[in-house]
Amino acid sequence: MIRIQPFQGWRYDLAAAGAASLDELLTPPYDVISPAQQAEFYDRHPQNVVRLELTRDEAGDDDRANRYMRAAATLADWRRRGVLRQEPAPAIYLLRQRYTLPDGQAATRSGLIFRLRLAPWGDGILPHERTFPAAKADRLALTIATGAQCSPIFLLYSDPAGQVHAPLAVAADERAPDALYRDEDGVEHALWAVTEPAVLAAVAAALEAKTFYIADGHHRYETALNYQRWRRGGGLPDALAPAPLSSWQGVPTYTLAPPAPSAALQPFDTAWVYAAGIEDPGLAILPTHRCIHDLPGFDAGRLLAGLGEHFLVTPVDDDAALEKPGFYRRNRVSGTVFALLLPGQPGGFLLQLRDDPATAARLHVDYPPVVAAVDVAVLQSLVLGPLLGIDADPAGLKRFVAFTPSAAEAVEGVRAGRYQAVFLVNPTPLAQLQAVSDAGEVMPPKATYFYPKLPAGLVINCLE
C-alpha cells in the first residue's frame, strides 16, 4: 500500500463566502488561539474558519448540542452553499511562507501538503515530545463530529539535494498562486494546487521511503490514529480520552488492526500533513519560554537559594538585554544557560548549568543522556520539579506553566504581576530533535515552537 496520496482538498470560494480576501476567513491553528482572538475571529467574518477550528461554547451545551455539533452543521452548510469548494482533481499542494524572524531577518519556508498513510510510532514516523490528553480528546471529538480537519500535521524529512520539492516548485513557478493569505504577524502564505499526474507521481515516489519527524501536531497524529481505530471498529476510548493499548518508548500508541488485503485505503487511514525539508534554510524554531503562575506557596527567595546547587547565578540589570534574541546564548561560556525574571525587581538572573559530576548524575536520573542534553529537560529536571514541585506530567505542567515564544510577552507578564517567575530558554536545535527522535525517546512537552505556524482553513481535509 502506497504511503503518499494526493487528495482533493476543500478551499474557500471568496465570492460565495462574501469576503474580499482570505485575510478575513483564516486563523492560526486552534492551540495558539487565545479566548480574545477567538472572539475577534468570530466578529471578523461570519464565514471565518474559527467556527470549524475552535467553535465557542454556549450556555446549555450538552452531549447532543455542543460546539462540535455546531462545527459539523456549519461545515455541511458551507459545503452545500459553495462557501467551500472541492479541488476538481487530486493535488499535492505547495505552500510557501514568507516571514520575518524576531531578529529582523527575512526568510521563506516551503513545504508540501498531502495525505500520508498512518503507521504506528517508529514505523517511518517519529515523535519528539509528549502530549496533553485534553487536547487529544478535543480534537478527536471534533474529527468524529465533522469528519474533517482544518490544519495539517507538520512533518520534517531529510532531502539535502532538494529533489522532492523541485518538481512542484517548477510547476508552481509557471503561474500565480491559487490562494494567498497574510496573517496577523505579517506572514505571507502562498498556496499552489499541483495536479499534473507526472509531477505528482515523481513527488510521491521521492517521498515514499522517507522517515518523517513530527515537528508540530503530535496531538493531531495521535488523534488520527484514534479516529482510524474508531472507523475500523475498534471503539472509542473512555470519554474520548486516548487510553493506550500499547506503548512505544513511553508515548501512547495503539494496536491497530490493518484493513483486510482487499479493502481500499480510506481517507481515515491517512494523516493530513505538511512536510518540509530539514535542510530548508527557511526552517526556524523559536524558544518556548516557561511562565510560572498560580503556584501555591511560591517563594522567590527559596528558589534563588536552591538554584545555586546546579547553576552559577549571575544578576543582570537590563530588561532590554534579556529580551534580545540569543542574549543568554551569547553569554554562554559552556553548557546550558537560562534567564530568570521575578516580579518586583528590574532585570533578572543568568543561570549557567554547572559542569560537574553531581549535576550530570542528577540529570540522568530523570532522562537518558540524549534527552538530558535538551535545555527544557534540564529546566524540568533541576528546577521546575525539585525546586517548584511542578511535575513533568503534561497535565500537571499545564496547570502552572504558560508557554510563549515571545520574550517581550514573558517579560511584560512578569513585570505586570501575572507571572510569579519567568524562565527564558534557548530554542531546541534541529539536531537535538533528530537525535532524540532517532533514539526512540521524547522530550518534555512544548520543547519546540516552529515558526511560522500553519494556518487553519487554507485547505480543509474531509475524511468522508
Protein backbone atom coordinates (compact mmCIF):
# COMPACT_ATOMS: atom_id res chain seq x y z
CA MET A 1 0.00 0.00 0.00
CA ILE A 2 1.42 3.38 -1.01
CA ARG A 3 2.25 5.90 1.71
CA ILE A 4 1.86 9.18 -0.19
CA GLN A 5 -1.51 10.30 -1.57
CA PRO A 6 -2.62 13.41 -3.45
CA PHE A 7 -6.14 14.45 -2.45
CA GLN A 8 -8.96 16.80 -3.37
CA GLY A 9 -8.96 19.40 -0.63
CA TRP A 10 -11.73 21.88 0.08
CA ARG A 11 -10.90 25.59 -0.23
CA TYR A 12 -12.77 28.85 0.27
CA ASP A 13 -14.61 30.43 -2.66
CA LEU A 14 -14.24 34.12 -1.83
CA ALA A 15 -17.28 35.22 -3.85
CA ALA A 16 -19.58 32.65 -2.25
CA ALA A 17 -18.15 33.47 1.19
CA GLY A 18 -18.74 37.17 0.63
CA ALA A 19 -15.13 38.02 1.53
CA ALA A 20 -12.63 40.34 -0.12
CA SER A 21 -9.66 38.12 0.78
CA LEU A 22 -8.63 35.09 2.83
CA ASP A 23 -7.34 37.51 5.49
CA GLU A 24 -10.97 37.74 6.69
CA LEU A 25 -11.51 33.97 6.79
CA LEU A 26 -8.41 32.16 8.12
CA THR A 27 -6.90 31.79 11.59
CA PRO A 28 -3.86 30.24 13.28
CA PRO A 29 -4.28 26.63 14.47
CA TYR A 30 -6.54 26.05 17.48
CA ASP A 31 -3.78 25.64 20.06
CA VAL A 32 -2.40 29.16 19.65
CA ILE A 33 -5.77 30.98 19.55
CA SER A 34 -6.44 32.87 22.81
CA PRO A 35 -10.02 33.49 24.04
CA ALA A 36 -9.69 37.14 22.97
CA GLN A 37 -8.54 36.10 19.49
CA GLN A 38 -11.38 33.58 19.24
CA ALA A 39 -13.90 36.37 19.84
CA GLU A 40 -12.10 38.63 17.36
CA PHE A 41 -12.18 35.96 14.64
CA TYR A 42 -15.90 35.39 15.25
CA ASP A 43 -16.51 39.11 14.73
CA ARG A 44 -14.23 39.38 11.72
CA HIS A 45 -16.46 37.47 9.28
CA PRO A 46 -19.49 35.12 9.52
CA GLN A 47 -17.63 32.51 7.44
CA ASN A 48 -14.37 32.67 9.42
CA VAL A 49 -12.88 29.19 9.90
CA VAL A 50 -12.78 29.65 13.68
CA ARG A 51 -16.36 28.32 13.53
CA LEU A 52 -14.87 24.97 12.49
CA GLU A 53 -11.43 25.01 14.10
CA LEU A 54 -12.33 26.36 17.55
CA THR A 55 -16.09 26.77 17.92
CA ARG A 56 -17.06 28.56 21.10
CA ASP A 57 -19.08 27.02 23.93
CA GLU A 58 -22.61 28.26 24.58
CA ALA A 59 -24.89 28.18 27.59
CA GLY A 60 -26.89 24.99 27.77
CA ASP A 61 -24.44 22.84 25.80
CA ASP A 62 -24.81 19.11 26.41
CA ASP A 63 -23.94 15.79 24.74
CA ARG A 64 -26.36 16.42 21.88
CA ALA A 65 -25.94 20.17 21.34
CA ASN A 66 -22.41 21.46 21.69
CA ARG A 67 -19.59 23.17 19.86
CA TYR A 68 -18.62 20.02 17.97
CA MET A 69 -22.13 19.57 16.62
CA ARG A 70 -22.27 23.25 15.64
CA ALA A 71 -18.98 22.88 13.77
CA ALA A 72 -20.37 19.89 11.88
CA ALA A 73 -23.55 21.77 10.93
CA THR A 74 -21.50 24.78 9.81
CA LEU A 75 -19.23 22.65 7.63
CA ALA A 76 -22.21 20.94 5.98
CA ASP A 77 -23.85 24.31 5.34
CA TRP A 78 -20.70 25.86 3.83
CA ARG A 79 -20.21 22.88 1.53
CA ARG A 80 -23.86 22.97 0.44
CA ARG A 81 -23.77 26.71 -0.31
CA GLY A 82 -20.41 26.60 -2.10
CA VAL A 83 -18.56 28.66 0.52
CA LEU A 84 -16.12 25.74 0.41
CA ARG A 85 -15.46 24.05 -2.92
CA GLN A 86 -13.58 20.82 -3.56
CA GLU A 87 -10.46 20.76 -5.70
CA PRO A 88 -11.51 19.44 -9.14
CA ALA A 89 -8.63 16.93 -9.29
CA PRO A 90 -6.31 15.24 -6.77
CA ALA A 91 -3.45 17.54 -5.82
CA ILE A 92 -0.31 17.84 -3.80
CA TYR A 93 -0.12 21.42 -2.56
CA LEU A 94 2.95 23.62 -2.41
CA LEU A 95 2.91 26.17 0.41
CA ARG A 96 5.47 28.98 0.60
CA GLN A 97 5.55 31.14 3.72
CA ARG A 98 7.49 34.42 3.66
CA TYR A 99 8.11 35.88 7.10
CA THR A 100 10.43 37.91 9.33
CA LEU A 101 12.22 36.43 12.32
CA PRO A 102 12.34 38.25 15.69
CA ASP A 103 15.87 39.45 14.86
CA GLY A 104 14.57 41.13 11.70
CA GLN A 105 15.91 38.56 9.22
CA ALA A 106 13.60 37.74 6.28
CA ALA A 107 13.06 34.06 5.41
CA THR A 108 10.94 31.77 3.23
CA ARG A 109 9.90 28.23 4.15
CA SER A 110 8.47 25.83 1.56
CA GLY A 111 6.57 22.63 2.19
CA LEU A 112 4.20 20.13 0.60
CA ILE A 113 0.66 19.20 1.71
CA PHE A 114 -0.58 15.65 1.06
CA ARG A 115 -2.03 12.59 2.78
CA LEU A 116 0.33 10.13 4.47
CA ARG A 117 -0.72 6.56 5.29
CA LEU A 118 -0.98 6.13 9.05
CA ALA A 119 1.57 3.96 10.83
CA PRO A 120 2.47 3.35 14.49
CA TRP A 121 5.25 5.40 16.07
CA GLY A 122 8.63 4.16 14.92
CA ASP A 123 7.36 2.86 11.57
CA GLY A 124 8.64 5.62 9.31
CA ILE A 125 7.31 8.36 11.58
CA LEU A 126 8.95 9.61 14.78
CA PRO A 127 7.67 11.87 17.59
CA HIS A 128 9.85 14.08 19.75
CA GLU A 129 7.64 15.19 22.66
CA ARG A 130 4.85 14.10 24.97
CA THR A 131 1.34 15.46 24.54
CA PHE A 132 -1.57 16.81 26.58
CA PRO A 133 -4.52 14.35 26.94
CA ALA A 134 -7.20 17.06 26.93
CA ALA A 135 -6.07 18.37 23.53
CA LYS A 136 -6.29 14.89 22.01
CA ALA A 137 -9.79 14.36 23.42
CA ASP A 138 -10.89 17.71 22.00
CA ARG A 139 -9.50 17.04 18.50
CA LEU A 140 -10.96 13.52 18.43
CA ALA A 141 -14.42 14.79 19.35
CA LEU A 142 -14.21 17.43 16.62
CA THR A 143 -13.00 14.94 13.99
CA ILE A 144 -15.77 12.47 14.83
CA ALA A 145 -18.42 15.19 14.62
CA THR A 146 -17.22 16.85 11.41
CA GLY A 147 -15.25 14.15 9.58
CA ALA A 148 -12.83 16.93 8.65
CA GLN A 149 -9.57 18.64 9.65
CA CYS A 150 -8.74 22.30 9.13
CA SER A 151 -5.00 22.36 9.84
CA PRO A 152 -2.38 19.74 8.93
CA ILE A 153 0.29 17.92 10.91
CA PHE A 154 3.73 19.49 10.41
CA LEU A 155 6.41 16.94 9.41
CA LEU A 156 10.11 17.14 8.56
CA TYR A 157 12.14 14.90 6.26
CA SER A 158 15.71 14.93 5.02
CA ASP A 159 16.30 15.94 1.40
CA PRO A 160 19.78 17.50 1.09
CA ALA A 161 19.63 17.77 -2.71
CA GLY A 162 16.10 19.23 -2.80
CA GLN A 163 14.88 16.51 -5.17
CA VAL A 164 11.44 16.11 -3.56
CA HIS A 165 10.47 19.74 -3.74
CA ALA A 166 11.86 20.59 -7.19
CA PRO A 167 9.10 19.21 -9.50
CA LEU A 168 6.36 21.03 -7.59
CA ALA A 169 8.35 24.25 -7.47
CA VAL A 170 8.81 24.19 -11.24
CA ALA A 171 5.10 23.60 -11.80
CA ALA A 172 4.10 26.34 -9.35
CA ASP A 173 6.53 28.92 -10.71
CA GLU A 174 4.71 28.87 -14.03
CA ARG A 175 1.63 30.60 -12.58
CA ALA A 176 0.29 32.78 -9.81
CA PRO A 177 -0.67 31.10 -6.53
CA ASP A 178 -4.15 29.63 -6.20
CA ALA A 179 -4.57 31.17 -2.74
CA LEU A 180 -2.84 33.99 -0.89
CA TYR A 181 -3.18 34.92 2.79
CA ARG A 182 -1.42 37.40 5.07
CA ASP A 183 -1.79 36.69 8.79
CA GLU A 184 -1.65 38.91 11.89
CA ASP A 185 2.15 38.56 12.13
CA GLY A 186 2.60 39.71 8.54
CA VAL A 187 3.45 36.22 7.26
CA GLU A 188 2.54 35.74 3.60
CA HIS A 189 1.17 32.28 2.81
CA ALA A 190 1.08 31.41 -0.92
CA LEU A 191 -0.54 28.11 -1.98
CA TRP A 192 -0.46 26.22 -5.28
CA ALA A 193 -2.58 23.13 -6.04
CA VAL A 194 -0.44 20.99 -8.36
CA THR A 195 -2.46 18.35 -10.20
CA GLU A 196 -0.26 17.24 -13.13
CA PRO A 197 -0.14 13.40 -12.83
CA ALA A 198 3.53 13.10 -13.83
CA VAL A 199 4.60 15.68 -11.23
CA LEU A 200 2.51 14.02 -8.51
CA ALA A 201 3.97 10.60 -9.33
CA ALA A 202 7.53 11.94 -9.16
CA VAL A 203 6.98 13.66 -5.81
CA ALA A 204 5.19 10.64 -4.30
CA ALA A 205 7.98 8.31 -5.41
CA ALA A 206 10.63 10.59 -3.91
CA LEU A 207 8.78 10.74 -0.57
CA GLU A 208 7.75 7.08 -0.34
CA ALA A 209 10.71 5.77 1.65
CA LYS A 210 11.35 8.89 3.75
CA THR A 211 11.44 8.89 7.54
CA PHE A 212 9.22 11.69 8.82
CA TYR A 213 9.80 13.59 12.07
CA ILE A 214 6.82 15.30 13.67
CA ALA A 215 7.69 18.96 14.10
CA ASP A 216 4.26 20.16 15.25
CA GLY A 217 0.98 18.30 15.61
CA HIS A 218 1.67 15.30 17.85
CA HIS A 219 -1.90 15.70 19.16
CA ARG A 220 -3.28 15.60 15.64
CA TYR A 221 -1.34 12.49 14.68
CA GLU A 222 -2.46 10.58 17.77
CA THR A 223 -6.00 11.78 17.07
CA ALA A 224 -5.73 10.43 13.51
CA LEU A 225 -4.71 7.04 14.95
CA ASN A 226 -7.68 7.12 17.34
CA TYR A 227 -10.06 8.11 14.57
CA GLN A 228 -8.81 5.29 12.34
CA ARG A 229 -9.24 2.86 15.22
CA TRP A 230 -12.82 4.02 15.71
CA ARG A 231 -13.66 3.86 11.99
CA ARG A 232 -12.17 0.36 11.74
CA GLY A 233 -14.44 -0.85 14.53
CA GLY A 234 -12.01 -0.54 17.43
CA GLY A 235 -14.36 1.56 19.55
CA LEU A 236 -13.72 4.83 21.36
CA PRO A 237 -11.55 5.38 24.42
CA ASP A 238 -13.49 6.34 27.54
CA ALA A 239 -14.75 9.94 27.41
CA LEU A 240 -12.87 10.34 24.11
CA ALA A 241 -9.59 10.37 26.02
CA PRO A 242 -6.89 8.18 24.43
CA ALA A 243 -6.35 5.07 26.56
CA PRO A 244 -3.11 3.40 25.45
CA LEU A 245 -3.37 -0.20 24.38
CA SER A 246 0.35 -0.41 23.86
CA SER A 247 3.30 1.95 24.08
CA TRP A 248 6.27 2.97 22.01
CA GLN A 249 9.04 4.35 24.24
CA GLY A 250 6.51 5.84 26.66
CA VAL A 251 4.36 7.56 24.00
CA PRO A 252 0.73 6.37 23.82
CA THR A 253 0.02 4.50 20.62
CA TYR A 254 -2.47 1.92 19.51
CA THR A 255 -2.58 -1.63 18.26
CA LEU A 256 -4.44 -1.08 15.01
CA ALA A 257 -5.98 -3.91 13.04
CA PRO A 258 -4.92 -3.18 9.44
CA PRO A 259 -7.58 -3.22 6.73
CA ALA A 260 -8.19 -6.54 5.04
CA PRO A 261 -5.99 -7.01 1.96
CA SER A 262 -8.96 -6.41 -0.35
CA ALA A 263 -10.09 -3.25 1.43
CA ALA A 264 -9.24 0.02 -0.24
CA LEU A 265 -7.20 2.61 1.59
CA GLN A 266 -9.68 5.12 3.01
CA PRO A 267 -9.05 8.78 3.85
CA PHE A 268 -9.32 7.92 7.56
CA ASP A 269 -6.36 5.55 7.10
CA THR A 270 -4.19 8.58 6.38
CA ALA A 271 -2.89 11.63 8.20
CA TRP A 272 -3.18 15.01 6.52
CA VAL A 273 0.29 16.54 6.61
CA TYR A 274 2.53 19.43 5.62
CA ALA A 275 6.12 18.27 5.09
CA ALA A 276 9.20 20.48 4.83
CA GLY A 277 12.82 19.56 4.29
CA ILE A 278 15.07 19.67 7.34
CA GLU A 279 17.67 21.39 5.17
CA ASP A 280 15.29 24.20 4.12
CA PRO A 281 17.08 27.47 5.06
CA GLY A 282 13.70 28.96 5.99
CA LEU A 283 13.05 26.40 8.73
CA ALA A 284 13.01 28.19 12.10
CA ILE A 285 12.50 27.03 15.68
CA LEU A 286 11.71 29.68 18.29
CA PRO A 287 12.16 29.19 22.03
CA THR A 288 9.24 28.23 24.25
CA HIS A 289 9.68 30.29 27.40
CA ARG A 290 8.21 28.99 30.67
CA CYS A 291 5.98 31.38 32.66
CA ILE A 292 5.02 30.23 36.17
CA HIS A 293 1.61 31.19 37.52
CA ASP A 294 -0.86 30.26 40.30
CA LEU A 295 1.68 28.02 42.03
CA PRO A 296 0.72 27.58 45.71
CA GLY A 297 3.44 28.52 48.18
CA PHE A 298 5.77 30.07 45.62
CA ASP A 299 8.82 31.58 47.35
CA ALA A 300 11.28 33.51 45.15
CA GLY A 301 13.96 33.57 47.85
CA ARG A 302 13.84 29.82 48.30
CA LEU A 303 14.00 29.35 44.52
CA LEU A 304 17.13 31.53 44.20
CA ALA A 305 18.81 29.74 47.11
CA GLY A 306 18.09 26.33 45.60
CA LEU A 307 19.41 27.24 42.15
CA GLY A 308 22.96 27.51 43.44
CA GLU A 309 23.34 23.74 43.73
CA HIS A 310 23.38 23.15 39.98
CA PHE A 311 23.73 26.65 38.44
CA LEU A 312 26.04 29.64 38.53
CA VAL A 313 23.63 32.52 39.19
CA THR A 314 24.62 35.94 37.79
CA PRO A 315 22.44 39.09 38.20
CA VAL A 316 21.57 41.07 35.03
CA ASP A 317 20.21 44.60 35.47
CA ASP A 318 18.86 45.27 31.97
CA ASP A 319 15.41 44.03 30.89
CA ALA A 320 16.10 45.09 27.30
CA ALA A 321 19.20 42.91 27.14
CA LEU A 322 17.26 39.89 28.39
CA GLU A 323 14.65 40.33 25.65
CA LYS A 324 17.19 40.38 22.81
CA PRO A 325 17.10 37.14 20.77
CA GLY A 326 20.00 34.92 21.76
CA PHE A 327 21.24 37.11 24.65
CA TYR A 328 21.69 34.18 27.01
CA ARG A 329 23.10 32.10 24.16
CA ARG A 330 25.77 34.75 23.52
CA ASN A 331 26.54 34.86 27.23
CA ARG A 332 27.04 31.11 27.34
CA VAL A 333 30.55 30.09 28.32
CA SER A 334 29.73 26.42 28.19
CA GLY A 335 26.68 24.26 28.65
CA THR A 336 23.09 25.35 29.21
CA VAL A 337 22.09 28.92 30.11
CA PHE A 338 18.67 30.28 31.06
CA ALA A 339 17.44 33.69 32.15
CA LEU A 340 15.21 34.00 35.23
CA LEU A 341 12.96 37.01 35.86
CA LEU A 342 10.99 37.67 39.03
CA PRO A 343 8.29 40.26 39.74
CA GLY A 344 9.03 43.39 41.73
CA GLN A 345 12.62 43.88 40.61
CA PRO A 346 14.31 45.08 37.41
CA GLY A 347 16.49 42.80 35.32
CA GLY A 348 16.92 39.17 36.26
CA PHE A 349 19.48 36.41 36.53
CA LEU A 350 21.55 34.30 34.14
CA LEU A 351 21.56 30.64 35.15
CA GLN A 352 24.53 28.71 33.79
CA LEU A 353 24.49 24.95 34.32
CA ARG A 354 27.39 23.69 36.41
CA ASP A 355 29.71 21.24 34.69
CA ASP A 356 30.21 18.74 37.48
CA PRO A 357 29.53 15.03 38.07
CA ALA A 358 26.78 15.65 40.64
CA THR A 359 24.77 17.79 38.23
CA ALA A 360 25.18 15.31 35.39
CA ALA A 361 24.18 12.42 37.64
CA ARG A 362 21.08 14.26 38.83
CA LEU A 363 20.01 14.99 35.25
CA HIS A 364 20.38 11.35 34.21
CA VAL A 365 18.07 10.18 36.99
CA ASP A 366 15.14 11.68 35.06
CA TYR A 367 16.27 11.48 31.43
CA PRO A 368 18.59 9.44 29.21
CA PRO A 369 21.65 11.40 28.01
CA VAL A 370 20.19 12.34 24.61
CA VAL A 371 17.19 14.00 26.31
CA ALA A 372 19.14 15.36 29.27
CA ALA A 373 21.11 17.49 26.80
CA VAL A 374 17.95 19.43 25.84
CA ASP A 375 17.56 22.76 27.64
CA VAL A 376 13.90 22.33 28.62
CA ALA A 377 14.68 18.88 30.07
CA VAL A 378 17.42 20.47 32.20
CA LEU A 379 14.95 23.10 33.38
CA GLN A 380 12.34 20.47 34.24
CA SER A 381 14.75 18.10 35.97
CA LEU A 382 16.74 20.60 38.03
CA VAL A 383 14.34 23.50 38.59
CA LEU A 384 10.64 23.02 37.86
CA GLY A 385 10.47 19.59 39.50
CA PRO A 386 12.70 19.70 42.60
CA LEU A 387 12.55 23.44 43.40
CA LEU A 388 8.96 24.32 42.43
CA GLY A 389 7.20 20.97 42.68
CA ILE A 390 5.83 21.15 39.13
CA ASP A 391 5.51 17.63 37.79
CA ALA A 392 6.72 16.72 34.29
CA ASP A 393 3.37 15.09 33.53
CA PRO A 394 1.79 17.14 30.72
CA ALA A 395 -1.50 17.71 32.55
CA GLY A 396 0.24 18.83 35.74
CA LEU A 397 2.68 21.00 33.85
CA LYS A 398 -0.07 22.90 32.07
CA ARG A 399 -1.75 23.84 35.39
CA PHE A 400 1.11 26.07 36.48
CA VAL A 401 3.10 26.90 33.34
CA ALA A 402 2.17 29.15 30.41
CA PHE A 403 4.27 28.88 27.25
CA THR A 404 5.20 31.67 24.85
CA PRO A 405 7.83 32.14 22.12
CA SER A 406 7.93 35.90 22.82
CA ALA A 407 10.49 37.10 25.36
CA ALA A 408 8.84 40.53 25.35
CA GLU A 409 5.47 38.99 26.23
CA ALA A 410 7.02 36.93 29.04
CA VAL A 411 8.87 39.94 30.48
CA GLU A 412 5.77 42.13 30.33
CA GLY A 413 3.76 39.41 32.07
CA VAL A 414 6.13 39.05 34.98
CA ARG A 415 6.52 42.83 35.36
CA ALA A 416 2.72 43.17 35.42
CA GLY A 417 2.47 40.50 38.13
CA ARG A 418 0.64 37.93 36.03
CA TYR A 419 3.54 35.51 36.44
CA GLN A 420 5.40 34.51 39.59
CA ALA A 421 8.56 33.76 37.63
CA VAL A 422 9.66 33.53 34.01
CA PHE A 423 12.37 31.30 32.59
CA LEU A 424 13.67 32.43 29.20
CA VAL A 425 15.14 29.49 27.30
CA ASN A 426 17.05 28.90 24.08
CA PRO A 427 15.34 27.23 21.10
CA THR A 428 15.88 23.49 20.75
CA PRO A 429 18.23 22.90 17.78
CA LEU A 430 17.03 20.69 14.93
CA ALA A 431 19.98 18.36 15.50
CA GLN A 432 18.74 17.66 19.04
CA LEU A 433 15.20 16.99 17.80
CA GLN A 434 16.53 14.46 15.31
CA ALA A 435 18.84 12.83 17.85
CA VAL A 436 16.04 12.40 20.39
CA SER A 437 13.61 11.04 17.77
CA ASP A 438 16.16 8.69 16.23
CA ALA A 439 16.94 7.29 19.69
CA GLY A 440 13.25 6.47 20.22
CA GLU A 441 12.97 8.98 23.07
CA VAL A 442 10.78 12.03 23.68
CA MET A 443 11.37 15.46 25.18
CA PRO A 444 9.16 17.28 27.69
CA PRO A 445 6.07 18.98 26.23
CA LYS A 446 6.49 22.27 24.39
CA ALA A 447 10.15 21.69 23.67
CA THR A 448 9.88 23.34 20.23
CA TYR A 449 7.97 26.18 18.60
CA PHE A 450 8.22 26.01 14.83
CA TYR A 451 7.56 29.35 13.16
CA PRO A 452 5.55 30.37 11.28
CA LYS A 453 2.51 28.30 12.20
CA LEU A 454 0.38 26.66 9.52
CA PRO A 455 -2.93 28.49 9.03
CA ALA A 456 -6.26 26.78 9.62
CA GLY A 457 -8.66 26.77 6.68
CA LEU A 458 -6.25 27.39 3.81
CA VAL A 459 -7.10 23.83 2.72
CA ILE A 460 -9.62 21.62 4.55
CA ASN A 461 -9.27 17.85 4.54
CA CYS A 462 -12.60 15.99 4.51
CA LEU A 463 -12.37 12.33 5.53
CA GLU A 464 -15.68 11.19 4.04
